[in-house]
Amino acid sequence: MNKKIIIFTVLLTNITFAYALPVEVREVSTTSESRKNSETLASMSVEALHARGLEKNAAQQKVVNSLKHDEVLSHKMAQNILKHFDEIEHHNIVSYISDAALFGKSVDLSSYETLISLVQKTTKVVLEQESLEKLEKISFENKGLVKLS
């Protein structure tokens, strides 16, 4: 009887640790990846502007001034767009941000209007009702991200 209790306790403890540990490790790695990729999103926009002839400092200032939200939040919103709207790719978002920064326009990736503009300017997708509904959902989710931060 005692052996059964010990075996059951050890088994239960192992199962608890097996399920608890990967969640914490995954959360930490996601956060570090998010920081790494968010720097990449802004730096890729800066590099695109630098390739067009702007100095790095000026390009960086334009990108920072153009993004309505901080780099980490903007990256999360971009990832949400990429996850739910297959026609958009990472380079499309970078191109859109760098163009807007060059002309001094604000980029709010939680805005429905900005998402429509992003799709129309960077892809050849015809926006039908289904696409518009997807963009509205993405905008709503991105606004939720803004409220959480």
N, C-alpha and C. Protein backbone atom coordinates (compact mmCIF):
# COMPACT_ATOMS: atom_id res chain seq x y z
N MET A 1 0.82 -1.19 0.00
CA MET A 1 0.00 0.00 0.00
C MET A 1 0.87 1.26 0.00
N ASN A 2 1.92 1.27 0.84
CA ASN A 2 2.81 2.43 0.89
C ASN A 2 3.55 2.63 -0.43
N LYS A 3 3.91 1.53 -1.09
CA LYS A 3 4.60 1.63 -2.37
C LYS A 3 3.70 2.29 -3.41
N LYS A 4 2.42 1.96 -3.40
CA LYS A 4 1.48 2.54 -4.34
C LYS A 4 1.35 4.04 -4.12
N ILE A 5 1.30 4.47 -2.89
CA ILE A 5 1.17 5.89 -2.57
C ILE A 5 2.43 6.64 -3.01
N ILE A 6 3.60 6.07 -2.76
CA ILE A 6 4.86 6.70 -3.15
C ILE A 6 4.95 6.79 -4.67
N ILE A 7 4.62 5.73 -5.36
CA ILE A 7 4.67 5.71 -6.82
C ILE A 7 3.70 6.75 -7.39
N PHE A 8 2.49 6.78 -6.84
CA PHE A 8 1.50 7.74 -7.29
C PHE A 8 1.96 9.17 -7.05
N THR A 9 2.56 9.44 -5.89
CA THR A 9 3.04 10.78 -5.56
C THR A 9 4.16 11.21 -6.51
N VAL A 10 5.10 10.31 -6.76
CA VAL A 10 6.21 10.61 -7.67
C VAL A 10 5.68 10.86 -9.08
N LEU A 11 4.75 10.04 -9.53
CA LEU A 11 4.17 10.20 -10.85
C LEU A 11 3.44 11.53 -10.97
N LEU A 12 2.65 11.86 -9.98
CA LEU A 12 1.91 13.12 -9.97
C LEU A 12 2.86 14.32 -9.96
N THR A 13 3.92 14.24 -9.19
CA THR A 13 4.91 15.32 -9.14
C THR A 13 5.60 15.49 -10.49
N ASN A 14 5.98 14.39 -11.12
CA ASN A 14 6.62 14.46 -12.44
C ASN A 14 5.70 15.05 -13.49
N ILE A 15 4.45 14.67 -13.48
CA ILE A 15 3.48 15.21 -14.43
C ILE A 15 3.31 16.71 -14.21
N THR A 16 3.23 17.13 -12.96
CA THR A 16 3.08 18.55 -12.65
C THR A 16 4.26 19.35 -13.18
N PHE A 17 5.48 18.88 -12.95
CA PHE A 17 6.66 19.58 -13.44
C PHE A 17 6.75 19.54 -14.96
N ALA A 18 6.33 18.44 -15.55
CA ALA A 18 6.40 18.33 -17.01
C ALA A 18 5.50 19.35 -17.69
N TYR A 19 4.34 19.63 -17.11
CA TYR A 19 3.44 20.61 -17.71
C TYR A 19 3.77 22.04 -17.30
N ALA A 20 4.32 22.24 -16.14
CA ALA A 20 4.58 23.60 -15.65
C ALA A 20 5.82 24.22 -16.26
N LEU A 21 6.88 23.48 -16.43
CA LEU A 21 8.15 24.05 -16.88
C LEU A 21 8.14 24.54 -18.32
N PRO A 22 7.64 23.80 -19.29
CA PRO A 22 7.69 24.32 -20.66
C PRO A 22 6.91 25.62 -20.85
N VAL A 23 5.85 25.83 -20.11
CA VAL A 23 5.09 27.06 -20.24
C VAL A 23 5.95 28.26 -19.87
N GLU A 24 6.69 28.15 -18.78
CA GLU A 24 7.53 29.25 -18.36
C GLU A 24 8.67 29.47 -19.35
N VAL A 25 9.29 28.42 -19.83
CA VAL A 25 10.40 28.55 -20.78
C VAL A 25 9.89 29.16 -22.08
N ARG A 26 8.75 28.74 -22.55
CA ARG A 26 8.19 29.25 -23.79
C ARG A 26 7.86 30.73 -23.66
N GLU A 27 7.34 31.13 -22.51
CA GLU A 27 6.99 32.53 -22.30
C GLU A 27 8.23 33.41 -22.30
N VAL A 28 9.29 32.97 -21.68
CA VAL A 28 10.53 33.74 -21.64
C VAL A 28 11.12 33.85 -23.03
N SER A 29 11.14 32.74 -23.79
CA SER A 29 11.72 32.80 -25.14
C SER A 29 10.89 33.68 -26.06
N THR A 30 9.57 33.67 -25.91
CA THR A 30 8.72 34.52 -26.73
C THR A 30 9.01 35.99 -26.45
N THR A 31 9.20 36.33 -25.19
CA THR A 31 9.49 37.71 -24.85
C THR A 31 10.82 38.14 -25.44
N SER A 32 11.84 37.31 -25.33
CA SER A 32 13.14 37.67 -25.88
C SER A 32 13.09 37.73 -27.40
N GLU A 33 12.36 36.82 -28.05
CA GLU A 33 12.20 36.87 -29.49
C GLU A 33 11.44 38.12 -29.90
N SER A 34 10.44 38.49 -29.12
CA SER A 34 9.66 39.69 -29.43
C SER A 34 10.53 40.93 -29.41
N ARG A 35 11.39 41.03 -28.40
CA ARG A 35 12.30 42.18 -28.33
C ARG A 35 13.27 42.17 -29.50
N LYS A 36 13.80 40.99 -29.81
CA LYS A 36 14.76 40.88 -30.91
C LYS A 36 14.10 41.26 -32.23
N ASN A 37 12.92 40.73 -32.50
CA ASN A 37 12.24 41.00 -33.75
C ASN A 37 11.69 42.41 -33.83
N SER A 38 11.31 42.98 -32.69
CA SER A 38 10.80 44.35 -32.73
C SER A 38 11.91 45.30 -33.12
N GLU A 39 13.13 45.03 -32.64
CA GLU A 39 14.26 45.84 -33.05
C GLU A 39 14.51 45.65 -34.54
N THR A 40 14.28 44.46 -35.01
CA THR A 40 14.48 44.17 -36.42
C THR A 40 13.47 44.92 -37.27
N LEU A 41 12.22 45.00 -36.84
CA LEU A 41 11.20 45.72 -37.60
C LEU A 41 11.58 47.18 -37.77
N ALA A 42 11.94 47.83 -36.67
CA ALA A 42 12.34 49.24 -36.74
C ALA A 42 13.65 49.39 -37.49
N SER A 43 14.60 48.51 -37.21
CA SER A 43 15.91 48.65 -37.87
C SER A 43 15.80 48.37 -39.37
N MET A 44 14.91 47.46 -39.76
CA MET A 44 14.72 47.21 -41.18
C MET A 44 14.11 48.43 -41.88
N SER A 45 13.22 49.12 -41.18
CA SER A 45 12.66 50.35 -41.74
C SER A 45 13.73 51.42 -41.85
N VAL A 46 14.58 51.50 -40.83
CA VAL A 46 15.69 52.46 -40.86
C VAL A 46 16.63 52.12 -42.01
N GLU A 47 16.94 50.84 -42.17
CA GLU A 47 17.84 50.43 -43.26
C GLU A 47 17.23 50.74 -44.63
N ALA A 48 15.93 50.58 -44.76
CA ALA A 48 15.27 50.89 -46.04
C ALA A 48 15.39 52.38 -46.34
N LEU A 49 15.22 53.21 -45.33
CA LEU A 49 15.38 54.66 -45.52
C LEU A 49 16.84 55.02 -45.80
N HIS A 50 17.75 54.35 -45.11
CA HIS A 50 19.18 54.61 -45.32
C HIS A 50 19.57 54.23 -46.76
N ALA A 51 18.99 53.15 -47.28
CA ALA A 51 19.26 52.74 -48.65
C ALA A 51 18.73 53.77 -49.65
N ARG A 52 17.75 54.55 -49.25
CA ARG A 52 17.20 55.60 -50.12
C ARG A 52 18.02 56.89 -50.05
N GLY A 53 19.02 56.91 -49.16
CA GLY A 53 19.90 58.07 -49.13
C GLY A 53 19.86 58.89 -47.85
N LEU A 54 19.01 58.55 -46.90
CA LEU A 54 18.98 59.29 -45.65
C LEU A 54 20.12 58.82 -44.75
N GLU A 55 20.60 59.72 -43.91
CA GLU A 55 21.58 59.32 -42.91
C GLU A 55 20.88 58.43 -41.88
N LYS A 56 21.66 57.54 -41.25
CA LYS A 56 21.06 56.60 -40.30
C LYS A 56 20.34 57.31 -39.16
N ASN A 57 20.96 58.34 -38.59
CA ASN A 57 20.33 59.04 -37.46
C ASN A 57 19.03 59.70 -37.87
N ALA A 58 19.03 60.33 -39.04
CA ALA A 58 17.81 60.97 -39.53
C ALA A 58 16.74 59.92 -39.82
N ALA A 59 17.15 58.81 -40.41
CA ALA A 59 16.20 57.74 -40.72
C ALA A 59 15.61 57.15 -39.45
N GLN A 60 16.46 56.95 -38.45
CA GLN A 60 15.97 56.39 -37.18
C GLN A 60 14.98 57.35 -36.52
N GLN A 61 15.28 58.64 -36.55
CA GLN A 61 14.39 59.63 -35.96
C GLN A 61 13.04 59.66 -36.68
N LYS A 62 13.09 59.56 -38.00
CA LYS A 62 11.84 59.56 -38.78
C LYS A 62 10.99 58.33 -38.46
N VAL A 63 11.63 57.16 -38.34
CA VAL A 63 10.88 55.93 -38.03
C VAL A 63 10.27 56.02 -36.64
N VAL A 64 11.04 56.49 -35.67
CA VAL A 64 10.53 56.62 -34.29
C VAL A 64 9.36 57.59 -34.26
N ASN A 65 9.47 58.70 -34.97
CA ASN A 65 8.39 59.69 -34.99
C ASN A 65 7.18 59.18 -35.75
N SER A 66 7.41 58.30 -36.72
CA SER A 66 6.31 57.79 -37.54
C SER A 66 5.46 56.76 -36.81
N LEU A 67 6.09 55.89 -36.04
CA LEU A 67 5.34 54.84 -35.34
C LEU A 67 4.57 55.46 -34.17
N LYS A 68 3.27 55.25 -34.16
CA LYS A 68 2.45 55.84 -33.11
C LYS A 68 2.70 55.15 -31.76
N HIS A 69 3.02 53.87 -31.80
CA HIS A 69 3.24 53.10 -30.58
C HIS A 69 4.71 52.71 -30.50
N ASP A 70 5.14 52.23 -29.33
CA ASP A 70 6.54 51.84 -29.18
C ASP A 70 6.87 50.64 -30.07
N GLU A 71 8.16 50.36 -30.19
CA GLU A 71 8.62 49.33 -31.13
C GLU A 71 8.09 47.94 -30.79
N VAL A 72 8.06 47.61 -29.50
CA VAL A 72 7.60 46.27 -29.10
C VAL A 72 6.13 46.09 -29.43
N LEU A 73 5.32 47.08 -29.10
CA LEU A 73 3.89 47.00 -29.38
C LEU A 73 3.63 47.00 -30.89
N SER A 74 4.36 47.81 -31.62
CA SER A 74 4.21 47.83 -33.08
C SER A 74 4.57 46.46 -33.67
N HIS A 75 5.60 45.84 -33.11
CA HIS A 75 5.98 44.50 -33.58
C HIS A 75 4.87 43.49 -33.31
N LYS A 76 4.29 43.55 -32.12
CA LYS A 76 3.19 42.62 -31.79
C LYS A 76 2.03 42.81 -32.75
N MET A 77 1.71 44.06 -33.06
CA MET A 77 0.63 44.34 -34.00
C MET A 77 0.97 43.82 -35.39
N ALA A 78 2.22 44.01 -35.81
CA ALA A 78 2.65 43.51 -37.12
C ALA A 78 2.55 41.99 -37.16
N GLN A 79 2.95 41.33 -36.08
CA GLN A 79 2.84 39.87 -36.03
C GLN A 79 1.39 39.43 -36.11
N ASN A 80 0.49 40.18 -35.50
CA ASN A 80 -0.93 39.87 -35.56
C ASN A 80 -1.44 40.01 -37.00
N ILE A 81 -0.98 41.04 -37.69
CA ILE A 81 -1.37 41.23 -39.09
C ILE A 81 -0.86 40.05 -39.93
N LEU A 82 0.40 39.70 -39.74
CA LEU A 82 0.98 38.60 -40.52
C LEU A 82 0.30 37.27 -40.24
N LYS A 83 -0.12 37.09 -39.01
CA LYS A 83 -0.76 35.83 -38.60
C LYS A 83 -2.14 35.67 -39.22
N HIS A 84 -2.89 36.76 -39.32
CA HIS A 84 -4.29 36.66 -39.74
C HIS A 84 -4.57 37.10 -41.18
N PHE A 85 -3.62 37.75 -41.82
CA PHE A 85 -3.84 38.21 -43.20
C PHE A 85 -2.70 37.70 -44.06
N ASP A 86 -2.95 36.58 -44.73
CA ASP A 86 -1.90 35.86 -45.46
C ASP A 86 -1.30 36.63 -46.62
N GLU A 87 -2.03 37.58 -47.18
CA GLU A 87 -1.55 38.30 -48.35
C GLU A 87 -0.43 39.30 -48.00
N ILE A 88 -0.31 39.67 -46.74
CA ILE A 88 0.71 40.62 -46.29
C ILE A 88 1.93 39.84 -45.82
N GLU A 89 3.11 40.32 -46.20
CA GLU A 89 4.37 39.74 -45.74
C GLU A 89 5.14 40.78 -44.95
N HIS A 90 6.16 40.32 -44.24
CA HIS A 90 6.94 41.20 -43.36
C HIS A 90 7.53 42.37 -44.13
N HIS A 91 8.06 42.11 -45.32
CA HIS A 91 8.68 43.19 -46.09
C HIS A 91 7.65 44.24 -46.52
N ASN A 92 6.37 43.85 -46.68
CA ASN A 92 5.32 44.81 -47.00
C ASN A 92 5.13 45.82 -45.86
N ILE A 93 5.15 45.32 -44.65
CA ILE A 93 4.97 46.19 -43.49
C ILE A 93 6.18 47.12 -43.34
N VAL A 94 7.38 46.58 -43.52
CA VAL A 94 8.59 47.39 -43.44
C VAL A 94 8.56 48.48 -44.51
N SER A 95 8.19 48.11 -45.71
CA SER A 95 8.11 49.08 -46.81
C SER A 95 7.10 50.17 -46.51
N TYR A 96 5.94 49.78 -45.99
CA TYR A 96 4.90 50.76 -45.67
C TYR A 96 5.37 51.72 -44.58
N ILE A 97 6.00 51.19 -43.54
CA ILE A 97 6.50 52.04 -42.45
C ILE A 97 7.58 52.99 -42.95
N SER A 98 8.49 52.48 -43.77
CA SER A 98 9.57 53.35 -44.26
C SER A 98 9.03 54.43 -45.20
N ASP A 99 8.05 54.10 -46.03
CA ASP A 99 7.44 55.11 -46.90
C ASP A 99 6.74 56.19 -46.07
N ALA A 100 5.99 55.76 -45.08
CA ALA A 100 5.27 56.72 -44.24
C ALA A 100 6.26 57.60 -43.46
N ALA A 101 7.31 56.99 -42.96
CA ALA A 101 8.32 57.76 -42.23
C ALA A 101 9.00 58.77 -43.13
N LEU A 102 9.28 58.39 -44.36
CA LEU A 102 9.93 59.29 -45.31
C LEU A 102 9.10 60.54 -45.55
N PHE A 103 7.79 60.37 -45.62
CA PHE A 103 6.91 61.50 -45.88
C PHE A 103 6.32 62.11 -44.61
N GLY A 104 6.81 61.65 -43.45
CA GLY A 104 6.39 62.23 -42.18
C GLY A 104 4.97 61.90 -41.75
N LYS A 105 4.46 60.77 -42.20
CA LYS A 105 3.10 60.37 -41.84
C LYS A 105 3.14 59.41 -40.66
N SER A 106 2.11 59.46 -39.84
CA SER A 106 2.02 58.59 -38.67
C SER A 106 1.50 57.21 -39.08
N VAL A 107 2.05 56.18 -38.44
CA VAL A 107 1.62 54.80 -38.70
C VAL A 107 1.05 54.22 -37.41
N ASP A 108 -0.24 53.94 -37.44
CA ASP A 108 -0.93 53.33 -36.31
C ASP A 108 -1.46 51.98 -36.77
N LEU A 109 -0.75 50.91 -36.44
CA LEU A 109 -1.13 49.59 -36.92
C LEU A 109 -2.39 49.04 -36.25
N SER A 110 -2.98 49.81 -35.34
CA SER A 110 -4.25 49.40 -34.75
C SER A 110 -5.42 50.08 -35.45
N SER A 111 -5.14 50.95 -36.39
CA SER A 111 -6.18 51.69 -37.10
C SER A 111 -6.66 50.90 -38.32
N TYR A 112 -7.96 50.80 -38.45
CA TYR A 112 -8.57 50.10 -39.59
C TYR A 112 -8.18 50.78 -40.90
N GLU A 113 -8.19 52.11 -40.90
CA GLU A 113 -7.83 52.86 -42.10
C GLU A 113 -6.39 52.61 -42.51
N THR A 114 -5.49 52.53 -41.52
CA THR A 114 -4.08 52.26 -41.80
C THR A 114 -3.91 50.87 -42.39
N LEU A 115 -4.64 49.91 -41.86
CA LEU A 115 -4.54 48.54 -42.38
C LEU A 115 -5.03 48.45 -43.82
N ILE A 116 -6.10 49.15 -44.14
CA ILE A 116 -6.60 49.18 -45.52
C ILE A 116 -5.55 49.82 -46.43
N SER A 117 -4.98 50.93 -45.97
CA SER A 117 -3.94 51.61 -46.74
C SER A 117 -2.73 50.71 -46.95
N LEU A 118 -2.34 50.00 -45.90
CA LEU A 118 -1.20 49.07 -45.98
C LEU A 118 -1.43 48.02 -47.05
N VAL A 119 -2.60 47.42 -47.05
CA VAL A 119 -2.91 46.37 -48.03
C VAL A 119 -2.96 46.95 -49.44
N GLN A 120 -3.60 48.10 -49.60
CA GLN A 120 -3.75 48.67 -50.94
C GLN A 120 -2.42 49.15 -51.52
N LYS A 121 -1.55 49.68 -50.68
CA LYS A 121 -0.29 50.22 -51.19
C LYS A 121 0.80 49.18 -51.39
N THR A 122 0.72 48.06 -50.69
CA THR A 122 1.82 47.09 -50.75
C THR A 122 1.47 45.80 -51.47
N THR A 123 0.21 45.55 -51.73
CA THR A 123 -0.17 44.32 -52.42
C THR A 123 -1.13 44.66 -53.56
N LYS A 124 -1.43 43.67 -54.34
CA LYS A 124 -2.39 43.85 -55.44
C LYS A 124 -3.70 43.13 -55.13
N VAL A 125 -3.98 43.01 -53.84
CA VAL A 125 -5.18 42.32 -53.40
C VAL A 125 -6.39 43.23 -53.58
N VAL A 126 -7.45 42.68 -54.16
CA VAL A 126 -8.70 43.40 -54.25
C VAL A 126 -9.44 43.19 -52.94
N LEU A 127 -9.74 44.28 -52.28
CA LEU A 127 -10.38 44.18 -50.97
C LEU A 127 -11.88 43.93 -51.13
N GLU A 128 -12.25 42.70 -50.85
CA GLU A 128 -13.65 42.32 -50.88
C GLU A 128 -14.17 42.30 -49.45
N GLN A 129 -15.43 41.98 -49.30
CA GLN A 129 -16.06 42.01 -47.98
C GLN A 129 -15.33 41.12 -46.97
N GLU A 130 -14.91 39.95 -47.39
CA GLU A 130 -14.21 39.02 -46.50
C GLU A 130 -12.88 39.61 -46.02
N SER A 131 -12.15 40.22 -46.93
CA SER A 131 -10.86 40.84 -46.58
C SER A 131 -11.07 42.02 -45.64
N LEU A 132 -12.09 42.81 -45.90
CA LEU A 132 -12.38 43.96 -45.05
C LEU A 132 -12.77 43.51 -43.63
N GLU A 133 -13.50 42.42 -43.56
CA GLU A 133 -13.87 41.90 -42.24
C GLU A 133 -12.65 41.39 -41.49
N LYS A 134 -11.72 40.74 -42.21
CA LYS A 134 -10.48 40.30 -41.58
C LYS A 134 -9.69 41.49 -41.04
N LEU A 135 -9.59 42.54 -41.85
CA LEU A 135 -8.85 43.73 -41.43
C LEU A 135 -9.52 44.40 -40.23
N GLU A 136 -10.84 44.39 -40.21
CA GLU A 136 -11.56 44.98 -39.07
C GLU A 136 -11.28 44.17 -37.80
N LYS A 137 -11.25 42.86 -37.93
CA LYS A 137 -10.95 41.99 -36.79
C LYS A 137 -9.52 42.22 -36.29
N ILE A 138 -8.59 42.32 -37.22
CA ILE A 138 -7.18 42.57 -36.86
C ILE A 138 -7.06 43.91 -36.16
N SER A 139 -7.74 44.91 -36.67
CA SER A 139 -7.71 46.24 -36.06
C SER A 139 -8.26 46.19 -34.63
N PHE A 140 -9.34 45.47 -34.46
CA PHE A 140 -9.94 45.33 -33.13
C PHE A 140 -8.97 44.63 -32.17
N GLU A 141 -8.33 43.57 -32.64
CA GLU A 141 -7.35 42.85 -31.80
C GLU A 141 -6.15 43.73 -31.47
N ASN A 142 -5.68 44.50 -32.44
CA ASN A 142 -4.55 45.39 -32.20
C ASN A 142 -4.90 46.50 -31.21
N LYS A 143 -6.13 46.98 -31.28
CA LYS A 143 -6.57 47.97 -30.29
C LYS A 143 -6.61 47.35 -28.90
N GLY A 144 -6.94 46.07 -28.82
CA GLY A 144 -6.90 45.36 -27.54
C GLY A 144 -5.48 45.26 -27.02
N LEU A 145 -4.52 45.06 -27.91
CA LEU A 145 -3.10 45.03 -27.51
C LEU A 145 -2.67 46.39 -26.93
N VAL A 146 -3.18 47.45 -27.53
CA VAL A 146 -2.84 48.79 -27.05
C VAL A 146 -3.39 49.00 -25.64
N LYS A 147 -4.60 48.54 -25.41
CA LYS A 147 -5.21 48.69 -24.08
C LYS A 147 -4.48 47.87 -23.04
N LEU A 148 -3.94 46.71 -23.43
CA LEU A 148 -3.23 45.85 -22.48
C LEU A 148 -1.87 46.41 -22.11
N SER A 149 -1.28 47.20 -22.97
CA SER A 149 0.07 47.69 -22.69
C SER A 149 0.07 48.97 -21.88
